[in-house]
Amino acid sequence: MELVITENQDGTTALTIDFIDEGVDLQCDTTVKGDSSAAYSYLPFFVRDMRSNFADKFPIPEAPEGGMEI
């Protein structure tokens, strides 16, 4: 995932994520109130939500061969 954080002069910070490096054509952006530390704090939630909202775009991980070992 590629990340761009841009602090705006109005006290907000723009957050843009791009999943192209994972082979997924999806770019998402949002704005949070506060500085870059506020954006970094929100980042895990934003990424989780975008992966959930656009789950159909992400490949389903393959199960390991041989099953689980006990």
N, C-alpha and C. Protein backbone atom coordinates (compact mmCIF):
# COMPACT_ATOMS: atom_id res chain seq x y z
N MET A 1 0.84 -1.16 0.00
CA MET A 1 0.00 0.00 0.00
C MET A 1 0.89 1.24 0.00
N GLU A 2 0.54 2.18 -0.84
CA GLU A 2 1.25 3.45 -0.89
C GLU A 2 0.42 4.49 -0.16
N LEU A 3 1.09 5.40 0.52
CA LEU A 3 0.43 6.38 1.36
C LEU A 3 0.95 7.78 1.08
N VAL A 4 0.02 8.75 0.99
CA VAL A 4 0.39 10.15 0.87
C VAL A 4 -0.42 10.91 1.92
N ILE A 5 0.28 11.68 2.76
CA ILE A 5 -0.36 12.51 3.76
C ILE A 5 0.02 13.96 3.49
N THR A 6 -1.00 14.82 3.40
CA THR A 6 -0.78 16.23 3.09
C THR A 6 -1.50 17.09 4.12
N GLU A 7 -0.74 17.89 4.88
CA GLU A 7 -1.35 18.80 5.83
C GLU A 7 -1.85 20.03 5.09
N ASN A 8 -3.12 20.36 5.31
CA ASN A 8 -3.73 21.52 4.68
C ASN A 8 -3.67 22.73 5.61
N GLN A 9 -3.81 23.90 5.08
CA GLN A 9 -3.71 25.12 5.88
C GLN A 9 -4.97 25.40 6.70
N ASP A 10 -6.02 24.64 6.47
CA ASP A 10 -7.27 24.86 7.21
C ASP A 10 -7.37 24.00 8.47
N GLY A 11 -6.27 23.37 8.88
CA GLY A 11 -6.27 22.55 10.09
C GLY A 11 -6.70 21.12 9.85
N THR A 12 -6.78 20.72 8.58
CA THR A 12 -7.11 19.34 8.25
C THR A 12 -5.92 18.69 7.56
N THR A 13 -5.97 17.38 7.44
CA THR A 13 -4.92 16.64 6.76
C THR A 13 -5.56 15.65 5.80
N ALA A 14 -5.11 15.66 4.55
CA ALA A 14 -5.60 14.75 3.52
C ALA A 14 -4.80 13.46 3.59
N LEU A 15 -5.51 12.36 3.46
CA LEU A 15 -4.93 11.04 3.54
C LEU A 15 -5.32 10.29 2.28
N THR A 16 -4.33 9.83 1.50
CA THR A 16 -4.58 9.07 0.27
C THR A 16 -3.84 7.75 0.34
N ILE A 17 -4.56 6.66 0.08
CA ILE A 17 -3.94 5.35 0.03
C ILE A 17 -4.18 4.74 -1.34
N ASP A 18 -3.19 3.98 -1.81
CA ASP A 18 -3.24 3.35 -3.12
C ASP A 18 -2.75 1.92 -2.97
N PHE A 19 -3.53 0.97 -3.45
CA PHE A 19 -3.22 -0.45 -3.30
C PHE A 19 -2.60 -1.04 -4.56
N ILE A 20 -2.14 -0.22 -5.50
CA ILE A 20 -1.62 -0.70 -6.77
C ILE A 20 -0.41 -1.63 -6.58
N ASP A 21 0.39 -1.39 -5.55
CA ASP A 21 1.56 -2.25 -5.32
C ASP A 21 1.15 -3.66 -4.87
N GLU A 22 -0.14 -3.85 -4.52
CA GLU A 22 -0.67 -5.16 -4.18
C GLU A 22 -1.43 -5.77 -5.36
N GLY A 23 -1.36 -5.09 -6.50
CA GLY A 23 -2.04 -5.57 -7.69
C GLY A 23 -3.53 -5.24 -7.70
N VAL A 24 -3.93 -4.29 -6.86
CA VAL A 24 -5.34 -3.90 -6.75
C VAL A 24 -5.47 -2.46 -7.23
N ASP A 25 -6.35 -2.25 -8.21
CA ASP A 25 -6.57 -0.90 -8.75
C ASP A 25 -7.59 -0.17 -7.88
N LEU A 26 -7.10 0.38 -6.78
CA LEU A 26 -7.97 1.08 -5.84
C LEU A 26 -7.19 2.21 -5.17
N GLN A 27 -7.70 3.41 -5.32
CA GLN A 27 -7.15 4.57 -4.64
C GLN A 27 -8.28 5.19 -3.82
N CYS A 28 -7.99 5.53 -2.57
CA CYS A 28 -8.99 6.09 -1.68
C CYS A 28 -8.40 7.30 -0.97
N ASP A 29 -9.26 8.29 -0.73
CA ASP A 29 -8.77 9.44 0.01
C ASP A 29 -9.85 9.93 0.96
N THR A 30 -9.38 10.59 2.01
CA THR A 30 -10.26 11.18 3.01
C THR A 30 -9.52 12.34 3.65
N THR A 31 -10.22 13.08 4.45
CA THR A 31 -9.63 14.20 5.18
C THR A 31 -9.97 14.05 6.65
N VAL A 32 -8.98 14.29 7.50
CA VAL A 32 -9.20 14.24 8.94
C VAL A 32 -8.89 15.60 9.55
N LYS A 33 -9.56 15.91 10.65
CA LYS A 33 -9.28 17.14 11.36
C LYS A 33 -8.01 16.94 12.18
N GLY A 34 -7.07 17.85 12.05
CA GLY A 34 -5.82 17.75 12.79
C GLY A 34 -4.62 17.64 11.87
N ASP A 35 -3.47 17.38 12.49
CA ASP A 35 -2.22 17.32 11.75
C ASP A 35 -1.92 15.89 11.29
N SER A 36 -0.69 15.68 10.84
CA SER A 36 -0.32 14.37 10.32
C SER A 36 -0.39 13.27 11.38
N SER A 37 -0.18 13.61 12.64
CA SER A 37 -0.28 12.58 13.68
C SER A 37 -1.72 12.08 13.80
N ALA A 38 -2.70 12.97 13.60
CA ALA A 38 -4.10 12.55 13.59
C ALA A 38 -4.37 11.63 12.40
N ALA A 39 -3.77 11.94 11.26
CA ALA A 39 -3.95 11.11 10.07
C ALA A 39 -3.33 9.73 10.28
N TYR A 40 -2.14 9.67 10.86
CA TYR A 40 -1.50 8.38 11.13
C TYR A 40 -2.31 7.57 12.14
N SER A 41 -2.94 8.24 13.09
CA SER A 41 -3.78 7.54 14.07
C SER A 41 -5.01 6.93 13.41
N TYR A 42 -5.57 7.62 12.43
CA TYR A 42 -6.76 7.16 11.74
C TYR A 42 -6.45 6.12 10.65
N LEU A 43 -5.22 6.10 10.18
CA LEU A 43 -4.83 5.25 9.05
C LEU A 43 -5.25 3.79 9.18
N PRO A 44 -4.99 3.09 10.29
CA PRO A 44 -5.36 1.66 10.35
C PRO A 44 -6.87 1.43 10.16
N PHE A 45 -7.68 2.34 10.68
CA PHE A 45 -9.13 2.22 10.56
C PHE A 45 -9.58 2.47 9.12
N PHE A 46 -8.96 3.47 8.49
CA PHE A 46 -9.29 3.80 7.11
C PHE A 46 -8.93 2.64 6.18
N VAL A 47 -7.75 2.07 6.36
CA VAL A 47 -7.30 0.95 5.53
C VAL A 47 -8.23 -0.25 5.74
N ARG A 48 -8.56 -0.56 6.98
CA ARG A 48 -9.46 -1.69 7.27
C ARG A 48 -10.82 -1.48 6.61
N ASP A 49 -11.36 -0.27 6.73
CA ASP A 49 -12.66 0.02 6.13
C ASP A 49 -12.62 -0.10 4.61
N MET A 50 -11.57 0.40 3.97
CA MET A 50 -11.49 0.33 2.52
C MET A 50 -11.31 -1.11 2.04
N ARG A 51 -10.52 -1.91 2.77
CA ARG A 51 -10.37 -3.33 2.41
C ARG A 51 -11.70 -4.06 2.58
N SER A 52 -12.47 -3.69 3.58
CA SER A 52 -13.77 -4.31 3.81
C SER A 52 -14.80 -3.85 2.77
N ASN A 53 -14.85 -2.54 2.53
CA ASN A 53 -15.82 -1.98 1.59
C ASN A 53 -15.58 -2.44 0.15
N PHE A 54 -14.33 -2.70 -0.19
CA PHE A 54 -13.98 -3.09 -1.56
C PHE A 54 -13.35 -4.48 -1.58
N ALA A 55 -13.84 -5.37 -0.72
CA ALA A 55 -13.26 -6.72 -0.58
C ALA A 55 -13.26 -7.48 -1.91
N ASP A 56 -14.23 -7.18 -2.78
CA ASP A 56 -14.31 -7.88 -4.06
C ASP A 56 -13.12 -7.56 -4.97
N LYS A 57 -12.40 -6.50 -4.70
CA LYS A 57 -11.24 -6.13 -5.52
C LYS A 57 -9.96 -6.83 -5.07
N PHE A 58 -9.95 -7.34 -3.84
CA PHE A 58 -8.75 -7.95 -3.29
C PHE A 58 -8.78 -9.46 -3.51
N PRO A 59 -7.63 -10.05 -3.90
CA PRO A 59 -7.60 -11.50 -4.10
C PRO A 59 -7.78 -12.23 -2.77
N ILE A 60 -8.43 -13.38 -2.84
CA ILE A 60 -8.62 -14.20 -1.64
C ILE A 60 -7.34 -15.00 -1.42
N PRO A 61 -6.75 -14.91 -0.23
CA PRO A 61 -5.52 -15.66 0.03
C PRO A 61 -5.77 -17.17 -0.06
N GLU A 62 -4.81 -17.87 -0.63
CA GLU A 62 -4.93 -19.32 -0.76
C GLU A 62 -4.54 -19.98 0.55
N ALA A 63 -5.25 -21.07 0.88
CA ALA A 63 -4.93 -21.83 2.08
C ALA A 63 -3.62 -22.59 1.85
N PRO A 64 -2.80 -22.72 2.87
CA PRO A 64 -1.54 -23.47 2.70
C PRO A 64 -1.84 -24.94 2.39
N GLU A 65 -0.98 -25.52 1.56
CA GLU A 65 -1.15 -26.93 1.20
C GLU A 65 -0.77 -27.81 2.39
N GLY A 66 -1.43 -28.94 2.48
CA GLY A 66 -1.12 -29.88 3.57
C GLY A 66 -1.96 -29.68 4.79
N GLY A 67 -2.77 -28.66 4.84
CA GLY A 67 -3.64 -28.43 6.00
C GLY A 67 -2.85 -27.92 7.19
N MET A 68 -3.49 -27.97 8.33
CA MET A 68 -2.87 -27.48 9.57
C MET A 68 -2.19 -28.62 10.29
N GLU A 69 -1.07 -28.32 10.90
CA GLU A 69 -0.37 -29.30 11.70
C GLU A 69 -0.72 -29.09 13.16
N ILE A 70 -0.87 -30.19 13.88
CA ILE A 70 -1.20 -30.09 15.30
C ILE A 70 -0.01 -30.49 16.12
